[in-house]
Amino acid sequence: MRLTIKEIAVFGMLGGVMYVSKMIMELLPNIHLLGVFIVAFTVVYRQKALYIIYTYVFLNGIFSGFAAWWIPYLYVWTVLWAAVMLLPKNMPKKVQPIVYMAACAAHGFLFGTLYAPAQAILFGLSFQGMVAWIIAGLPWDFMHGISNFFCGILIMPLVYALRNAEKNV
């Protein structure tokens, strides 16, 4: 998967946009546009969206520290990317928004569960301790999933904007 100079520049900027959007929205717990960006970037750039996702992940580590909380970021965002990659590319236009919003929401609802195995390994939690950690986080995951669903309204407009930009450059 070779990248052009243009792609390197664009993907670096899009990863930076993801990071800045997260920083701006940190005042609102578990409400952010990261799922929106990952779904839209995956729809438009397919496999190459991983460059954007990992630019974002490494920016998080650089600016917030490569600590234990960061380790799950190496895989947790890739799960959403993989889910979108498995969706049919030729879905009817009327179905696309709700399917992408639902995928985004599902990732939010499952975020704590996806995050938990790494936490269990890093902090030596038993299986029961990991399950307790997941249960304790369910209210936050609920908020995350609901907000991802409603923020998902922005996915298709972002997809159209990215495709239009790609055509005109």
N, C-alpha and C. Protein backbone atom coordinates (compact mmCIF):
# COMPACT_ATOMS: atom_id res chain seq x y z
N MET A 1 0.85 -1.17 0.00
CA MET A 1 0.00 0.00 0.00
C MET A 1 0.90 1.24 0.00
N ARG A 2 1.24 1.68 -1.17
CA ARG A 2 2.10 2.85 -1.31
C ARG A 2 1.29 4.12 -1.18
N LEU A 3 1.89 5.11 -0.53
CA LEU A 3 1.23 6.41 -0.37
C LEU A 3 1.90 7.44 -1.26
N THR A 4 1.08 8.32 -1.79
CA THR A 4 1.63 9.45 -2.53
C THR A 4 1.98 10.56 -1.54
N ILE A 5 2.72 11.53 -1.99
CA ILE A 5 3.06 12.67 -1.13
C ILE A 5 1.78 13.39 -0.70
N LYS A 6 0.84 13.52 -1.63
CA LYS A 6 -0.44 14.15 -1.29
C LYS A 6 -1.15 13.37 -0.19
N GLU A 7 -1.19 12.04 -0.29
CA GLU A 7 -1.85 11.23 0.73
C GLU A 7 -1.16 11.35 2.08
N ILE A 8 0.15 11.38 2.09
CA ILE A 8 0.88 11.54 3.35
C ILE A 8 0.47 12.85 4.02
N ALA A 9 0.42 13.91 3.24
CA ALA A 9 0.04 15.22 3.79
C ALA A 9 -1.41 15.22 4.27
N VAL A 10 -2.32 14.72 3.43
CA VAL A 10 -3.74 14.72 3.77
C VAL A 10 -4.00 13.82 4.98
N PHE A 11 -3.44 12.63 4.99
CA PHE A 11 -3.68 11.71 6.10
C PHE A 11 -3.09 12.24 7.40
N GLY A 12 -1.94 12.89 7.33
CA GLY A 12 -1.37 13.51 8.53
C GLY A 12 -2.28 14.60 9.07
N MET A 13 -2.81 15.42 8.16
CA MET A 13 -3.72 16.50 8.60
C MET A 13 -5.02 15.93 9.17
N LEU A 14 -5.56 14.89 8.54
CA LEU A 14 -6.80 14.30 9.04
C LEU A 14 -6.60 13.65 10.41
N GLY A 15 -5.45 13.01 10.62
CA GLY A 15 -5.14 12.47 11.95
C GLY A 15 -5.04 13.59 12.97
N GLY A 16 -4.45 14.71 12.56
CA GLY A 16 -4.37 15.88 13.43
C GLY A 16 -5.74 16.46 13.74
N VAL A 17 -6.62 16.48 12.75
CA VAL A 17 -7.99 16.96 12.97
C VAL A 17 -8.70 16.07 13.98
N MET A 18 -8.50 14.76 13.88
CA MET A 18 -9.10 13.86 14.86
C MET A 18 -8.62 14.20 16.27
N TYR A 19 -7.31 14.38 16.41
CA TYR A 19 -6.75 14.67 17.73
C TYR A 19 -7.28 15.99 18.29
N VAL A 20 -7.28 17.03 17.48
CA VAL A 20 -7.74 18.35 17.92
C VAL A 20 -9.23 18.29 18.28
N SER A 21 -10.02 17.56 17.49
CA SER A 21 -11.45 17.46 17.79
C SER A 21 -11.67 16.78 19.14
N LYS A 22 -10.85 15.78 19.43
CA LYS A 22 -10.96 15.09 20.73
C LYS A 22 -10.60 16.05 21.86
N MET A 23 -9.55 16.82 21.68
CA MET A 23 -9.13 17.76 22.72
C MET A 23 -10.21 18.82 22.97
N ILE A 24 -10.80 19.33 21.91
CA ILE A 24 -11.84 20.36 22.04
C ILE A 24 -13.06 19.81 22.77
N MET A 25 -13.39 18.55 22.50
CA MET A 25 -14.62 17.99 23.06
C MET A 25 -14.41 17.27 24.40
N GLU A 26 -13.21 17.34 24.96
CA GLU A 26 -12.96 16.65 26.22
C GLU A 26 -13.78 17.18 27.38
N LEU A 27 -14.35 18.37 27.25
CA LEU A 27 -15.20 18.91 28.31
C LEU A 27 -16.48 18.07 28.46
N LEU A 28 -16.86 17.37 27.40
CA LEU A 28 -18.06 16.54 27.41
C LEU A 28 -17.62 15.07 27.50
N PRO A 29 -17.84 14.42 28.63
CA PRO A 29 -17.33 13.05 28.79
C PRO A 29 -17.97 12.07 27.81
N ASN A 30 -17.12 11.33 27.12
CA ASN A 30 -17.52 10.28 26.17
C ASN A 30 -18.35 10.80 25.00
N ILE A 31 -18.24 12.08 24.71
CA ILE A 31 -18.91 12.65 23.55
C ILE A 31 -17.80 13.24 22.67
N HIS A 32 -17.65 12.66 21.49
CA HIS A 32 -16.60 13.11 20.57
C HIS A 32 -16.95 12.68 19.16
N LEU A 33 -16.12 13.08 18.22
CA LEU A 33 -16.37 12.78 16.81
C LEU A 33 -15.43 11.70 16.26
N LEU A 34 -14.71 11.02 17.13
CA LEU A 34 -13.73 10.05 16.65
C LEU A 34 -14.37 8.92 15.84
N GLY A 35 -15.48 8.39 16.31
CA GLY A 35 -16.18 7.34 15.56
C GLY A 35 -16.66 7.84 14.21
N VAL A 36 -17.17 9.07 14.19
CA VAL A 36 -17.62 9.68 12.94
C VAL A 36 -16.47 9.74 11.95
N PHE A 37 -15.32 10.24 12.42
CA PHE A 37 -14.15 10.35 11.54
C PHE A 37 -13.70 8.97 11.06
N ILE A 38 -13.62 8.00 11.96
CA ILE A 38 -13.13 6.68 11.57
C ILE A 38 -14.05 6.03 10.54
N VAL A 39 -15.35 6.12 10.76
CA VAL A 39 -16.29 5.53 9.79
C VAL A 39 -16.16 6.25 8.44
N ALA A 40 -16.20 7.57 8.45
CA ALA A 40 -16.12 8.33 7.19
C ALA A 40 -14.80 8.07 6.47
N PHE A 41 -13.70 8.11 7.20
CA PHE A 41 -12.39 7.88 6.57
C PHE A 41 -12.30 6.46 6.00
N THR A 42 -12.89 5.51 6.70
CA THR A 42 -12.87 4.12 6.21
C THR A 42 -13.71 3.97 4.96
N VAL A 43 -14.87 4.61 4.93
CA VAL A 43 -15.73 4.54 3.74
C VAL A 43 -15.00 5.13 2.53
N VAL A 44 -14.30 6.23 2.73
CA VAL A 44 -13.64 6.92 1.62
C VAL A 44 -12.29 6.31 1.27
N TYR A 45 -11.46 6.06 2.27
CA TYR A 45 -10.06 5.66 2.00
C TYR A 45 -9.78 4.17 2.19
N ARG A 46 -10.79 3.42 2.69
CA ARG A 46 -10.68 1.97 2.91
C ARG A 46 -9.45 1.61 3.75
N GLN A 47 -8.55 0.74 3.24
CA GLN A 47 -7.40 0.28 4.03
C GLN A 47 -6.51 1.44 4.45
N LYS A 48 -6.39 2.43 3.60
CA LYS A 48 -5.50 3.55 3.90
C LYS A 48 -5.98 4.39 5.08
N ALA A 49 -7.22 4.22 5.49
CA ALA A 49 -7.72 4.94 6.68
C ALA A 49 -6.91 4.58 7.92
N LEU A 50 -6.28 3.41 7.91
CA LEU A 50 -5.44 3.02 9.05
C LEU A 50 -4.31 4.02 9.30
N TYR A 51 -3.79 4.63 8.24
CA TYR A 51 -2.74 5.63 8.41
C TYR A 51 -3.27 6.82 9.24
N ILE A 52 -4.49 7.21 8.96
CA ILE A 52 -5.10 8.34 9.68
C ILE A 52 -5.36 7.94 11.13
N ILE A 53 -5.92 6.76 11.32
CA ILE A 53 -6.24 6.29 12.67
C ILE A 53 -4.98 6.22 13.52
N TYR A 54 -3.91 5.66 12.98
CA TYR A 54 -2.70 5.51 13.78
C TYR A 54 -1.93 6.82 13.92
N THR A 55 -2.13 7.75 13.02
CA THR A 55 -1.59 9.10 13.25
C THR A 55 -2.26 9.68 14.48
N TYR A 56 -3.58 9.54 14.55
CA TYR A 56 -4.33 10.00 15.73
C TYR A 56 -3.84 9.29 17.00
N VAL A 57 -3.70 7.98 16.95
CA VAL A 57 -3.29 7.20 18.12
C VAL A 57 -1.91 7.67 18.60
N PHE A 58 -0.98 7.85 17.68
CA PHE A 58 0.37 8.25 18.09
C PHE A 58 0.40 9.70 18.56
N LEU A 59 -0.42 10.57 18.01
CA LEU A 59 -0.52 11.93 18.53
C LEU A 59 -1.01 11.91 19.97
N ASN A 60 -1.95 11.03 20.28
CA ASN A 60 -2.42 10.88 21.65
C ASN A 60 -1.26 10.50 22.57
N GLY A 61 -0.49 9.53 22.15
CA GLY A 61 0.65 9.10 22.96
C GLY A 61 1.69 10.20 23.12
N ILE A 62 1.98 10.90 22.05
CA ILE A 62 3.00 11.96 22.10
C ILE A 62 2.58 13.08 23.05
N PHE A 63 1.32 13.51 22.96
CA PHE A 63 0.89 14.67 23.74
C PHE A 63 0.32 14.34 25.11
N SER A 64 -0.12 13.09 25.31
CA SER A 64 -0.72 12.74 26.60
C SER A 64 0.05 11.65 27.34
N GLY A 65 1.07 11.14 26.72
CA GLY A 65 1.92 10.14 27.37
C GLY A 65 1.60 8.72 26.92
N PHE A 66 2.64 7.97 26.68
CA PHE A 66 2.48 6.56 26.29
C PHE A 66 2.34 5.73 27.57
N ALA A 67 1.21 5.88 28.24
CA ALA A 67 0.96 5.19 29.50
C ALA A 67 0.03 4.00 29.28
N ALA A 68 -0.34 3.35 30.37
CA ALA A 68 -1.18 2.14 30.28
C ALA A 68 -2.52 2.42 29.60
N TRP A 69 -3.10 3.58 29.80
CA TRP A 69 -4.39 3.90 29.17
C TRP A 69 -4.29 3.89 27.65
N TRP A 70 -3.08 4.15 27.13
CA TRP A 70 -2.86 4.30 25.70
C TRP A 70 -2.79 2.95 24.97
N ILE A 71 -2.34 1.92 25.64
CA ILE A 71 -2.12 0.61 25.01
C ILE A 71 -3.38 0.11 24.27
N PRO A 72 -4.58 0.15 24.88
CA PRO A 72 -5.76 -0.32 24.13
C PRO A 72 -6.06 0.50 22.88
N TYR A 73 -5.58 1.74 22.82
CA TYR A 73 -5.80 2.56 21.63
C TYR A 73 -5.15 1.92 20.40
N LEU A 74 -4.17 1.05 20.63
CA LEU A 74 -3.52 0.38 19.51
C LEU A 74 -4.46 -0.57 18.76
N TYR A 75 -5.53 -1.00 19.43
CA TYR A 75 -6.47 -1.89 18.74
C TYR A 75 -7.93 -1.43 18.79
N VAL A 76 -8.32 -0.66 19.79
CA VAL A 76 -9.74 -0.39 19.99
C VAL A 76 -10.37 0.39 18.83
N TRP A 77 -9.63 1.30 18.22
CA TRP A 77 -10.17 2.07 17.08
C TRP A 77 -10.16 1.23 15.82
N THR A 78 -9.24 0.28 15.74
CA THR A 78 -9.15 -0.59 14.58
C THR A 78 -10.37 -1.52 14.50
N VAL A 79 -10.99 -1.80 15.63
CA VAL A 79 -12.19 -2.64 15.62
C VAL A 79 -13.31 -1.95 14.84
N LEU A 80 -13.48 -0.65 15.06
CA LEU A 80 -14.50 0.10 14.30
C LEU A 80 -14.13 0.13 12.82
N TRP A 81 -12.87 0.36 12.51
CA TRP A 81 -12.41 0.34 11.12
C TRP A 81 -12.74 -1.01 10.47
N ALA A 82 -12.44 -2.10 11.17
CA ALA A 82 -12.68 -3.45 10.63
C ALA A 82 -14.18 -3.69 10.42
N ALA A 83 -14.99 -3.24 11.36
CA ALA A 83 -16.44 -3.42 11.22
C ALA A 83 -16.95 -2.70 9.97
N VAL A 84 -16.47 -1.50 9.74
CA VAL A 84 -16.90 -0.75 8.55
C VAL A 84 -16.36 -1.41 7.29
N MET A 85 -15.15 -1.92 7.34
CA MET A 85 -14.59 -2.61 6.18
C MET A 85 -15.42 -3.84 5.80
N LEU A 86 -16.06 -4.47 6.78
CA LEU A 86 -16.87 -5.66 6.51
C LEU A 86 -18.25 -5.34 5.95
N LEU A 87 -18.66 -4.09 6.06
CA LEU A 87 -19.96 -3.70 5.52
C LEU A 87 -19.89 -3.66 3.99
N PRO A 88 -21.00 -3.98 3.32
CA PRO A 88 -20.97 -3.94 1.84
C PRO A 88 -20.72 -2.52 1.34
N LYS A 89 -19.88 -2.41 0.32
CA LYS A 89 -19.56 -1.09 -0.25
C LYS A 89 -20.72 -0.52 -1.06
N ASN A 90 -21.56 -1.37 -1.59
CA ASN A 90 -22.63 -0.90 -2.48
C ASN A 90 -24.01 -0.94 -1.80
N MET A 91 -24.07 -0.50 -0.56
CA MET A 91 -25.37 -0.41 0.13
C MET A 91 -26.22 0.66 -0.53
N PRO A 92 -27.54 0.49 -0.51
CA PRO A 92 -28.40 1.55 -1.03
C PRO A 92 -28.16 2.85 -0.27
N LYS A 93 -28.17 3.96 -0.98
CA LYS A 93 -27.88 5.28 -0.39
C LYS A 93 -28.78 5.60 0.80
N LYS A 94 -30.04 5.16 0.75
CA LYS A 94 -30.97 5.45 1.84
C LYS A 94 -30.62 4.69 3.11
N VAL A 95 -29.94 3.56 2.97
CA VAL A 95 -29.60 2.70 4.10
C VAL A 95 -28.27 3.12 4.74
N GLN A 96 -27.37 3.66 3.94
CA GLN A 96 -26.02 3.97 4.41
C GLN A 96 -26.00 4.79 5.70
N PRO A 97 -26.71 5.92 5.79
CA PRO A 97 -26.59 6.73 7.02
C PRO A 97 -26.93 5.96 8.28
N ILE A 98 -28.01 5.21 8.28
CA ILE A 98 -28.43 4.51 9.49
C ILE A 98 -27.49 3.35 9.83
N VAL A 99 -26.98 2.67 8.81
CA VAL A 99 -26.04 1.57 9.04
C VAL A 99 -24.74 2.11 9.63
N TYR A 100 -24.23 3.20 9.07
CA TYR A 100 -22.99 3.78 9.59
C TYR A 100 -23.19 4.37 10.99
N MET A 101 -24.35 4.99 11.23
CA MET A 101 -24.65 5.51 12.56
C MET A 101 -24.74 4.36 13.57
N ALA A 102 -25.35 3.26 13.16
CA ALA A 102 -25.48 2.10 14.05
C ALA A 102 -24.11 1.48 14.36
N ALA A 103 -23.25 1.39 13.36
CA ALA A 103 -21.90 0.85 13.58
C ALA A 103 -21.13 1.74 14.55
N CYS A 104 -21.24 3.03 14.35
CA CYS A 104 -20.58 4.01 15.22
C CYS A 104 -21.11 3.87 16.65
N ALA A 105 -22.43 3.75 16.79
CA ALA A 105 -23.05 3.60 18.11
C ALA A 105 -22.61 2.30 18.77
N ALA A 106 -22.61 1.21 18.02
CA ALA A 106 -22.22 -0.09 18.58
C ALA A 106 -20.80 -0.03 19.15
N HIS A 107 -19.91 0.64 18.44
CA HIS A 107 -18.55 0.78 18.94
C HIS A 107 -18.53 1.55 20.26
N GLY A 108 -19.33 2.59 20.35
CA GLY A 108 -19.41 3.34 21.61
C GLY A 108 -19.95 2.49 22.74
N PHE A 109 -21.01 1.72 22.48
CA PHE A 109 -21.58 0.86 23.52
C PHE A 109 -20.59 -0.21 23.97
N LEU A 110 -19.75 -0.67 23.06
CA LEU A 110 -18.80 -1.75 23.36
C LEU A 110 -17.42 -1.26 23.76
N PHE A 111 -17.21 0.05 23.79
CA PHE A 111 -15.87 0.58 24.00
C PHE A 111 -15.23 0.03 25.28
N GLY A 112 -15.94 0.08 26.39
CA GLY A 112 -15.38 -0.40 27.66
C GLY A 112 -15.07 -1.88 27.62
N THR A 113 -15.92 -2.64 26.96
CA THR A 113 -15.70 -4.08 26.83
C THR A 113 -14.48 -4.37 25.97
N LEU A 114 -14.30 -3.59 24.92
CA LEU A 114 -13.13 -3.76 24.06
C LEU A 114 -11.84 -3.34 24.78
N TYR A 115 -11.96 -2.33 25.59
CA TYR A 115 -10.82 -1.76 26.32
C TYR A 115 -10.39 -2.66 27.48
N ALA A 116 -11.33 -3.39 28.06
CA ALA A 116 -11.12 -4.14 29.30
C ALA A 116 -10.03 -5.22 29.24
N PRO A 117 -9.92 -6.03 28.19
CA PRO A 117 -8.89 -7.08 28.22
C PRO A 117 -7.47 -6.52 28.41
N ALA A 118 -7.15 -5.45 27.75
CA ALA A 118 -5.82 -4.86 27.92
C ALA A 118 -5.64 -4.36 29.35
N GLN A 119 -6.68 -3.72 29.90
CA GLN A 119 -6.61 -3.24 31.29
C GLN A 119 -6.41 -4.41 32.24
N ALA A 120 -7.13 -5.51 31.99
CA ALA A 120 -7.01 -6.68 32.86
C ALA A 120 -5.59 -7.23 32.84
N ILE A 121 -5.01 -7.32 31.65
CA ILE A 121 -3.64 -7.83 31.53
C ILE A 121 -2.65 -6.86 32.17
N LEU A 122 -2.78 -5.58 31.88
CA LEU A 122 -1.84 -4.58 32.39
C LEU A 122 -1.89 -4.43 33.91
N PHE A 123 -3.09 -4.59 34.48
CA PHE A 123 -3.24 -4.37 35.92
C PHE A 123 -3.49 -5.66 36.70
N GLY A 124 -3.34 -6.80 36.03
CA GLY A 124 -3.44 -8.08 36.72
C GLY A 124 -4.82 -8.39 37.26
N LEU A 125 -5.85 -7.95 36.56
CA LEU A 125 -7.22 -8.24 37.02
C LEU A 125 -7.59 -9.68 36.67
N SER A 126 -8.35 -10.30 37.53
CA SER A 126 -8.91 -11.62 37.22
C SER A 126 -10.04 -11.41 36.22
N PHE A 127 -10.58 -12.52 35.73
CA PHE A 127 -11.72 -12.40 34.80
C PHE A 127 -12.88 -11.70 35.49
N GLN A 128 -13.11 -12.05 36.75
CA GLN A 128 -14.19 -11.42 37.51
C GLN A 128 -13.90 -9.93 37.70
N GLY A 129 -12.66 -9.59 37.94
CA GLY A 129 -12.28 -8.18 38.08
C GLY A 129 -12.49 -7.42 36.79
N MET A 130 -12.19 -8.07 35.67
CA MET A 130 -12.40 -7.43 34.37
C MET A 130 -13.89 -7.21 34.12
N VAL A 131 -14.70 -8.21 34.45
CA VAL A 131 -16.15 -8.07 34.27
C VAL A 131 -16.68 -6.96 35.16
N ALA A 132 -16.20 -6.88 36.39
CA ALA A 132 -16.62 -5.80 37.30
C ALA A 132 -16.23 -4.45 36.73
N TRP A 133 -15.05 -4.36 36.13
CA TRP A 133 -14.58 -3.12 35.52
C TRP A 133 -15.51 -2.73 34.37
N ILE A 134 -15.91 -3.72 33.56
CA ILE A 134 -16.83 -3.46 32.45
C ILE A 134 -18.18 -2.98 32.98
N ILE A 135 -18.70 -3.66 33.99
CA ILE A 135 -20.00 -3.29 34.55
C ILE A 135 -19.97 -1.89 35.14
N ALA A 136 -18.89 -1.56 35.83
CA ALA A 136 -18.76 -0.22 36.42
C ALA A 136 -18.76 0.86 35.34
N GLY A 137 -18.28 0.53 34.15
CA GLY A 137 -18.21 1.50 33.06
C GLY A 137 -19.44 1.56 32.17
N LEU A 138 -20.43 0.71 32.42
CA LEU A 138 -21.60 0.67 31.53
C LEU A 138 -22.33 2.00 31.39
N PRO A 139 -22.50 2.79 32.44
CA PRO A 139 -23.15 4.10 32.23
C PRO A 139 -22.38 4.98 31.24
N TRP A 140 -21.06 4.92 31.32
CA TRP A 140 -20.23 5.72 30.40
C TRP A 140 -20.32 5.17 28.99
N ASP A 141 -20.34 3.84 28.85
CA ASP A 141 -20.48 3.23 27.53
C ASP A 141 -21.85 3.54 26.93
N PHE A 142 -22.88 3.59 27.78
CA PHE A 142 -24.21 3.94 27.31
C PHE A 142 -24.20 5.36 26.73
N MET A 143 -23.60 6.28 27.48
CA MET A 143 -23.50 7.67 27.00
C MET A 143 -22.68 7.73 25.71
N HIS A 144 -21.61 6.95 25.66
CA HIS A 144 -20.73 6.91 24.49
C HIS A 144 -21.50 6.41 23.26
N GLY A 145 -22.25 5.33 23.42
CA GLY A 145 -23.00 4.77 22.30
C GLY A 145 -24.09 5.70 21.79
N ILE A 146 -24.83 6.30 22.71
CA ILE A 146 -25.91 7.22 22.32
C ILE A 146 -25.32 8.44 21.61
N SER A 147 -24.25 9.00 22.17
CA SER A 147 -23.65 10.18 21.53
C SER A 147 -23.04 9.83 20.18
N ASN A 148 -22.44 8.64 20.06
CA ASN A 148 -21.90 8.22 18.77
C ASN A 148 -23.01 8.10 17.73
N PHE A 149 -24.17 7.60 18.16
CA PHE A 149 -25.28 7.47 17.22
C PHE A 149 -25.69 8.85 16.69
N PHE A 150 -25.90 9.78 17.59
CA PHE A 150 -26.36 11.10 17.14
C PHE A 150 -25.27 11.89 16.43
N CYS A 151 -24.03 11.76 16.86
CA CYS A 151 -22.93 12.40 16.12
C CYS A 151 -22.78 11.77 14.73
N GLY A 152 -23.19 10.49 14.62
CA GLY A 152 -23.12 9.78 13.35
C GLY A 152 -23.91 10.42 12.23
N ILE A 153 -24.79 11.34 12.57
CA ILE A 153 -25.52 12.09 11.53
C ILE A 153 -24.54 12.80 10.61
N LEU A 154 -23.35 13.08 11.11
CA LEU A 154 -22.34 13.81 10.33
C LEU A 154 -21.52 12.92 9.39
N ILE A 155 -21.68 11.61 9.49
CA ILE A 155 -20.84 10.70 8.70
C ILE A 155 -21.01 10.91 7.20
N MET A 156 -22.23 10.84 6.71
CA MET A 156 -22.43 10.94 5.25
C MET A 156 -22.06 12.33 4.71
N PRO A 157 -22.41 13.43 5.39
CA PRO A 157 -21.92 14.72 4.89
C PRO A 157 -20.39 14.79 4.81
N LEU A 158 -19.72 14.17 5.79
CA LEU A 158 -18.25 14.15 5.76
C LEU A 158 -17.76 13.27 4.61
N VAL A 159 -18.40 12.14 4.38
CA VAL A 159 -18.03 11.26 3.25
C VAL A 159 -18.16 12.03 1.94
N TYR A 160 -19.30 12.72 1.76
CA TYR A 160 -19.51 13.48 0.51
C TYR A 160 -18.46 14.58 0.37
N ALA A 161 -18.14 15.28 1.46
CA ALA A 161 -17.14 16.35 1.40
C ALA A 161 -15.76 15.80 1.03
N LEU A 162 -15.38 14.67 1.64
CA LEU A 162 -14.08 14.06 1.34
C LEU A 162 -14.00 13.58 -0.11
N ARG A 163 -15.07 12.94 -0.58
CA ARG A 163 -15.09 12.48 -1.97
C ARG A 163 -15.03 13.65 -2.94
N ASN A 164 -15.74 14.70 -2.63
CA ASN A 164 -15.73 15.90 -3.47
C ASN A 164 -14.34 16.53 -3.48
N ALA A 165 -13.70 16.59 -2.33
CA ALA A 165 -12.33 17.14 -2.24
C ALA A 165 -11.36 16.29 -3.05
N GLU A 166 -11.52 14.96 -2.99
CA GLU A 166 -10.63 14.07 -3.73
C GLU A 166 -10.80 14.27 -5.23
N LYS A 167 -12.03 14.51 -5.67
CA LYS A 167 -12.29 14.72 -7.10
C LYS A 167 -11.70 16.03 -7.60
N ASN A 168 -11.73 17.04 -6.75
CA ASN A 168 -11.33 18.39 -7.17
C ASN A 168 -9.88 18.73 -6.94
N VAL A 169 -9.11 17.76 -6.48
CA VAL A 169 -7.68 18.05 -6.23
C VAL A 169 -6.84 17.38 -7.27
